[in-house]
Protein backbone atom coordinates (compact mmCIF):
# COMPACT_ATOMS: atom_id res chain seq x y z
CA UNK A 1 101.92 111.47 127.77
CA UNK A 2 99.50 114.53 127.28
CA UNK A 3 101.32 116.84 129.86
CA UNK A 4 104.94 116.00 127.35
CA UNK A 5 102.36 116.54 124.36
CA UNK A 6 101.48 120.05 125.95
CA UNK A 7 104.47 120.76 126.86
CA UNK A 8 105.64 120.27 123.50
CA UNK A 9 102.93 122.52 122.15
CA UNK A 10 103.99 126.08 124.63
CA UNK A 11 107.67 125.38 123.88
CA UNK A 12 106.59 125.53 119.79
CA UNK A 13 104.65 128.10 120.60
CA UNK A 14 107.68 130.43 122.13
CA UNK A 15 110.53 129.37 119.67
CA UNK A 16 107.94 130.40 116.66
CA UNK A 17 106.86 133.93 118.97
CA UNK A 18 110.45 134.84 120.42
CA UNK A 19 112.88 133.15 117.66
CA UNK A 20 111.32 134.26 114.43
CA UNK A 21 111.23 137.31 112.79
CA UNK A 22 107.63 138.71 112.36
CA UNK A 23 108.66 138.88 108.36
CA UNK A 24 108.80 135.40 108.17
CA UNK A 25 106.58 133.64 110.94
CA UNK A 26 103.28 133.25 108.68
CA UNK A 27 105.94 131.22 105.93
CA UNK A 28 107.49 129.17 109.08
CA UNK A 29 103.45 128.74 110.41
CA UNK A 30 102.61 127.18 107.15
CA UNK A 31 105.18 125.31 105.94
CA UNK A 32 105.26 123.60 110.01
CA UNK A 33 101.41 122.26 108.89
CA UNK A 34 102.05 121.04 105.85
CA UNK A 35 104.92 119.20 106.57
CA UNK A 36 102.52 117.52 109.46
CA UNK A 37 100.15 117.10 107.57
CA UNK A 38 102.39 115.48 105.10
CA UNK A 39 104.09 113.05 107.88
CA UNK A 40 100.18 111.73 108.92
CA UNK A 41 99.42 111.14 105.60
CA UNK A 42 102.60 108.93 105.40
CA UNK A 43 102.06 107.01 109.01
CA UNK A 44 98.42 106.58 107.42
CA UNK A 45 99.58 104.72 104.60
CA UNK A 46 102.06 103.27 106.57
CA UNK A 47 99.07 102.09 109.01
CA UNK A 48 96.62 101.20 105.75
CA UNK A 49 99.64 98.48 104.72
CA UNK A 50 100.96 97.09 107.33
CA UNK A 51 97.81 96.80 109.45
CA UNK A 52 98.62 92.95 110.39
CA UNK A 53 99.40 91.99 113.98
CA UNK A 54 103.01 90.22 111.70
CA UNK A 55 104.15 93.57 110.90
CA UNK A 56 104.63 94.95 114.81
CA UNK A 57 108.33 94.18 114.21
CA UNK A 58 108.44 96.49 111.39
CA UNK A 59 106.93 99.43 112.47
CA UNK A 60 108.49 99.08 116.25
CA UNK A 61 111.60 99.32 114.19
CA UNK A 62 110.20 102.61 111.55
CA UNK A 63 109.44 104.02 114.90
CA UNK A 64 112.93 103.82 116.52
CA UNK A 65 114.60 104.76 113.63
CA UNK A 66 112.17 108.19 113.25
CA UNK A 67 113.40 109.20 116.55
CA UNK A 68 116.72 108.83 115.87
CA UNK A 69 116.35 110.32 112.55
CA UNK A 70 114.76 113.44 114.60
CA UNK A 71 117.53 113.22 117.24
CA UNK A 72 120.32 113.45 114.90
CA UNK A 73 118.80 116.39 113.29
CA UNK A 74 118.08 118.18 116.03
CA UNK A 75 121.86 117.17 117.49
CA UNK A 76 123.06 118.74 114.16
CA UNK A 77 121.27 121.67 114.03
CA UNK A 78 122.05 122.62 117.59
CA UNK A 79 125.96 122.41 116.53
CA UNK A 80 125.45 124.58 113.47
CA UNK A 81 123.65 126.97 115.91
CA UNK A 82 123.41 130.37 115.73
CA UNK A 83 123.78 132.86 118.29
CA UNK A 84 120.95 133.96 118.75
CA UNK A 85 119.45 130.28 118.57
CA UNK A 86 121.78 129.11 121.35
CA UNK A 87 120.24 131.85 123.29
CA UNK A 88 116.68 131.28 122.60
CA UNK A 89 117.69 127.11 123.45
CA UNK A 90 119.75 127.88 126.68
CA UNK A 91 116.18 130.29 127.38
CA UNK A 92 113.69 127.55 127.00
CA UNK A 93 116.10 124.89 129.21
CA UNK A 94 116.18 127.70 132.00
CA UNK A 95 112.42 127.76 131.77
CA UNK A 96 111.93 123.92 132.60
CA UNK A 97 114.28 123.30 135.02
CA UNK A 98 112.80 126.24 137.53
């Protein structure tokens, strides 16, 4: 699990360093941290409200819907990607396969 998390961080950093113009990098990094903090706050609120084991099914379904939603957004983004984004993605995929 730690290896997957580290790989995600490395790929995210590579995208920020190579795929984003320098003039927008600070704005995008700040936005990313803000959205991550908001998501953590929401997850904490859900954990506080549904802290009983009887709510496990609801939490599992919420988790599944989050993963499906993220996959849908990524696929939608990938279908409308620019040439620069496609070349960046192919670079990342070739980096992981080697």
